[in-house]
N, C-alpha and C. Protein backbone atom coordinates (compact mmCIF):
# COMPACT_ATOMS: atom_id res chain seq x y z
N MET A 1 111.93 -113.17 -16.33
CA MET A 1 112.95 -113.02 -17.34
C MET A 1 113.90 -114.21 -17.26
N LYS A 2 114.33 -114.67 -18.39
CA LYS A 2 115.26 -115.80 -18.48
C LYS A 2 116.67 -115.31 -18.76
N ALA A 3 117.63 -115.98 -18.19
CA ALA A 3 119.03 -115.79 -18.53
C ALA A 3 119.54 -117.13 -19.04
N ILE A 4 120.28 -117.09 -20.12
CA ILE A 4 120.84 -118.30 -20.72
C ILE A 4 122.35 -118.19 -20.65
N GLU A 5 122.98 -119.22 -20.11
CA GLU A 5 124.44 -119.27 -20.05
C GLU A 5 124.92 -120.33 -21.03
N THR A 6 125.97 -120.00 -21.78
CA THR A 6 126.54 -120.96 -22.72
C THR A 6 127.97 -121.26 -22.32
N LYS A 7 128.41 -122.46 -22.67
CA LYS A 7 129.76 -122.89 -22.30
C LYS A 7 130.33 -123.77 -23.40
N TYR A 8 131.57 -123.52 -23.74
CA TYR A 8 132.29 -124.34 -24.71
C TYR A 8 132.70 -125.64 -24.05
N LEU A 9 132.43 -126.76 -24.72
CA LEU A 9 132.86 -128.08 -24.25
C LEU A 9 133.85 -128.63 -25.28
N GLY A 10 135.06 -128.83 -24.87
CA GLY A 10 136.10 -129.31 -25.78
C GLY A 10 135.85 -130.74 -26.25
N PRO A 11 136.53 -131.13 -27.30
CA PRO A 11 136.35 -132.48 -27.83
C PRO A 11 136.84 -133.53 -26.84
N SER A 12 136.22 -134.69 -26.92
CA SER A 12 136.64 -135.82 -26.09
C SER A 12 137.01 -136.98 -27.02
N GLY A 13 137.25 -138.12 -26.47
CA GLY A 13 137.57 -139.28 -27.28
C GLY A 13 136.39 -139.79 -28.08
N HIS A 14 135.18 -139.37 -27.70
CA HIS A 14 133.96 -139.86 -28.34
C HIS A 14 133.17 -138.80 -29.08
N ARG A 15 133.36 -137.53 -28.73
CA ARG A 15 132.57 -136.43 -29.31
C ARG A 15 133.47 -135.29 -29.71
N GLY A 16 133.02 -134.56 -30.73
CA GLY A 16 133.72 -133.35 -31.12
C GLY A 16 133.38 -132.20 -30.18
N ALA A 17 133.94 -131.04 -30.46
CA ALA A 17 133.66 -129.85 -29.66
C ALA A 17 132.17 -129.51 -29.72
N ARG A 18 131.66 -128.96 -28.60
CA ARG A 18 130.24 -128.64 -28.50
C ARG A 18 130.06 -127.33 -27.75
N ILE A 19 128.86 -126.78 -27.85
CA ILE A 19 128.45 -125.62 -27.04
C ILE A 19 127.18 -126.04 -26.31
N LYS A 20 127.16 -125.83 -24.99
CA LYS A 20 125.97 -126.15 -24.19
C LYS A 20 125.33 -124.86 -23.71
N ALA A 21 124.02 -124.76 -23.89
CA ALA A 21 123.24 -123.62 -23.41
C ALA A 21 122.29 -124.11 -22.32
N THR A 22 122.27 -123.40 -21.19
CA THR A 22 121.39 -123.78 -20.08
C THR A 22 120.74 -122.54 -19.49
N ASP A 23 119.56 -122.74 -18.88
CA ASP A 23 118.98 -121.69 -18.06
C ASP A 23 119.03 -122.19 -16.61
N HIS A 24 118.58 -121.37 -15.69
CA HIS A 24 118.72 -121.76 -14.29
C HIS A 24 117.52 -122.56 -13.78
N ASP A 25 116.65 -122.98 -14.70
CA ASP A 25 115.57 -123.90 -14.36
C ASP A 25 115.93 -125.32 -14.76
N GLY A 26 117.13 -125.52 -15.31
CA GLY A 26 117.58 -126.84 -15.70
C GLY A 26 117.32 -127.21 -17.15
N ASN A 27 116.74 -126.30 -17.93
CA ASN A 27 116.55 -126.55 -19.35
C ASN A 27 117.89 -126.39 -20.05
N SER A 28 118.18 -127.29 -20.99
CA SER A 28 119.47 -127.19 -21.68
C SER A 28 119.40 -127.83 -23.06
N ILE A 29 120.39 -127.48 -23.85
CA ILE A 29 120.58 -128.08 -25.16
C ILE A 29 122.08 -128.02 -25.45
N THR A 30 122.58 -129.02 -26.13
CA THR A 30 123.98 -129.05 -26.55
C THR A 30 124.01 -129.19 -28.06
N ILE A 31 124.77 -128.33 -28.72
CA ILE A 31 124.89 -128.39 -30.17
C ILE A 31 126.34 -128.66 -30.53
N GLY A 32 126.55 -129.26 -31.68
CA GLY A 32 127.91 -129.42 -32.18
C GLY A 32 128.51 -128.05 -32.46
N TYR A 33 129.81 -127.92 -32.27
CA TYR A 33 130.46 -126.63 -32.48
C TYR A 33 130.28 -126.20 -33.93
N PRO A 34 129.67 -125.03 -34.17
CA PRO A 34 129.43 -124.57 -35.54
C PRO A 34 130.71 -123.94 -36.12
N HIS A 35 131.51 -124.73 -36.78
CA HIS A 35 132.81 -124.28 -37.28
C HIS A 35 132.71 -123.17 -38.31
N GLU A 36 131.52 -122.98 -38.90
CA GLU A 36 131.35 -121.91 -39.87
C GLU A 36 131.25 -120.54 -39.20
N LEU A 37 131.10 -120.53 -37.87
CA LEU A 37 131.02 -119.30 -37.09
C LEU A 37 132.24 -119.19 -36.20
N SER A 38 132.34 -118.08 -35.48
CA SER A 38 133.45 -117.95 -34.53
C SER A 38 133.01 -117.10 -33.34
N GLY A 39 133.72 -117.27 -32.24
CA GLY A 39 133.50 -116.47 -31.04
C GLY A 39 132.08 -116.49 -30.53
N MET A 40 131.57 -115.30 -30.25
CA MET A 40 130.26 -115.17 -29.64
C MET A 40 129.15 -115.70 -30.55
N ALA A 41 129.35 -115.68 -31.86
CA ALA A 41 128.32 -116.17 -32.79
C ALA A 41 128.03 -117.66 -32.56
N CYS A 42 129.04 -118.42 -32.20
CA CYS A 42 128.85 -119.85 -31.90
C CYS A 42 127.94 -120.02 -30.68
N HIS A 43 128.17 -119.21 -29.68
CA HIS A 43 127.39 -119.29 -28.44
C HIS A 43 125.98 -118.77 -28.66
N ARG A 44 125.85 -117.75 -29.49
CA ARG A 44 124.53 -117.21 -29.83
C ARG A 44 123.69 -118.29 -30.51
N LYS A 45 124.31 -119.09 -31.38
CA LYS A 45 123.59 -120.16 -32.06
C LYS A 45 123.04 -121.16 -31.06
N ALA A 46 123.80 -121.49 -30.03
CA ALA A 46 123.34 -122.41 -28.98
C ALA A 46 122.21 -121.78 -28.18
N ALA A 47 122.32 -120.50 -27.84
CA ALA A 47 121.25 -119.81 -27.10
C ALA A 47 119.97 -119.78 -27.94
N ASP A 48 120.10 -119.51 -29.23
CA ASP A 48 118.94 -119.52 -30.12
C ASP A 48 118.31 -120.91 -30.19
N ALA A 49 119.13 -121.95 -30.19
CA ALA A 49 118.62 -123.32 -30.24
C ALA A 49 117.81 -123.64 -28.98
N LEU A 50 118.28 -123.17 -27.81
CA LEU A 50 117.53 -123.39 -26.58
C LEU A 50 116.20 -122.64 -26.63
N CYS A 51 116.21 -121.41 -27.12
CA CYS A 51 114.97 -120.64 -27.25
C CYS A 51 113.98 -121.36 -28.16
N GLU A 52 114.46 -121.89 -29.26
CA GLU A 52 113.59 -122.62 -30.19
C GLU A 52 113.02 -123.87 -29.52
N LYS A 53 113.87 -124.60 -28.82
CA LYS A 53 113.42 -125.82 -28.13
C LYS A 53 112.33 -125.52 -27.12
N MET A 54 112.47 -124.41 -26.39
CA MET A 54 111.54 -124.09 -25.32
C MET A 54 110.35 -123.25 -25.80
N GLY A 55 110.36 -122.79 -27.05
CA GLY A 55 109.27 -121.97 -27.57
C GLY A 55 109.32 -120.53 -27.09
N TRP A 56 110.50 -120.07 -26.70
CA TRP A 56 110.66 -118.69 -26.23
C TRP A 56 110.89 -117.79 -27.43
N GLU A 57 110.31 -116.61 -27.39
CA GLU A 57 110.49 -115.63 -28.46
C GLU A 57 110.97 -114.32 -27.87
N GLY A 58 111.69 -113.57 -28.66
CA GLY A 58 112.17 -112.27 -28.24
C GLY A 58 113.61 -112.07 -28.66
N ALA A 59 114.04 -110.83 -28.56
CA ALA A 59 115.41 -110.47 -28.93
C ALA A 59 116.36 -110.79 -27.78
N LEU A 60 117.49 -111.37 -28.11
CA LEU A 60 118.51 -111.67 -27.11
C LEU A 60 119.66 -110.68 -27.21
N ILE A 61 120.24 -110.37 -26.08
CA ILE A 61 121.47 -109.58 -26.04
C ILE A 61 122.44 -110.35 -25.15
N GLY A 62 123.69 -110.38 -25.52
CA GLY A 62 124.64 -111.20 -24.77
C GLY A 62 125.98 -110.55 -24.58
N GLY A 63 126.78 -111.21 -23.76
CA GLY A 63 128.13 -110.76 -23.50
C GLY A 63 128.96 -111.86 -22.89
N GLY A 64 130.26 -111.65 -22.87
CA GLY A 64 131.18 -112.65 -22.38
C GLY A 64 131.26 -112.70 -20.86
N LEU A 65 131.47 -113.92 -20.35
CA LEU A 65 131.66 -114.15 -18.92
C LEU A 65 133.08 -114.58 -18.60
N GLY A 66 133.84 -114.87 -19.61
CA GLY A 66 135.19 -115.37 -19.44
C GLY A 66 135.49 -116.32 -20.58
N PRO A 67 136.65 -116.92 -20.59
CA PRO A 67 137.01 -117.80 -21.71
C PRO A 67 135.98 -118.92 -21.92
N GLY A 68 135.40 -118.94 -23.12
CA GLY A 68 134.48 -120.00 -23.49
C GLY A 68 133.12 -119.95 -22.84
N ARG A 69 132.74 -118.82 -22.22
CA ARG A 69 131.45 -118.71 -21.54
C ARG A 69 130.79 -117.37 -21.90
N TYR A 70 129.50 -117.43 -22.16
CA TYR A 70 128.72 -116.24 -22.48
C TYR A 70 127.38 -116.31 -21.77
N ALA A 71 126.73 -115.17 -21.63
CA ALA A 71 125.37 -115.10 -21.08
C ALA A 71 124.50 -114.28 -22.01
N PHE A 72 123.24 -114.68 -22.11
CA PHE A 72 122.28 -113.99 -22.96
C PHE A 72 121.01 -113.75 -22.15
N VAL A 73 120.40 -112.59 -22.33
CA VAL A 73 119.12 -112.27 -21.71
C VAL A 73 118.21 -111.69 -22.78
N PHE A 74 116.90 -111.75 -22.50
CA PHE A 74 115.93 -111.18 -23.43
C PHE A 74 115.90 -109.67 -23.27
N PHE A 75 115.99 -108.97 -24.37
CA PHE A 75 115.94 -107.51 -24.39
C PHE A 75 114.47 -107.09 -24.46
N THR A 76 114.00 -106.35 -23.48
CA THR A 76 112.60 -105.97 -23.44
C THR A 76 112.40 -104.46 -23.56
N GLY A 77 113.47 -103.72 -23.70
CA GLY A 77 113.35 -102.27 -23.79
C GLY A 77 112.96 -101.81 -25.17
N PRO A 78 112.83 -100.49 -25.34
CA PRO A 78 112.51 -99.96 -26.67
C PRO A 78 113.70 -100.12 -27.59
N TYR A 79 113.40 -100.31 -28.86
CA TYR A 79 114.47 -100.50 -29.86
C TYR A 79 115.00 -99.19 -30.34
């Protein structure tokens, strides 16, 4: 089972705000902050982008870890 952690990265002098999604095997992706979304939806978009990059399929469920951080896991139970 994979766990994906996302983290908000604030803007710098060279880049705008971003969201980074990583797993504990070192796979990661960073997306520009999706201003059309808010809160957990922004982090979900980054987690979905990592799943797409890695070819992972399945339903994700997530929750907050603290300010600007979320975790997502694949839901494998009955719907």
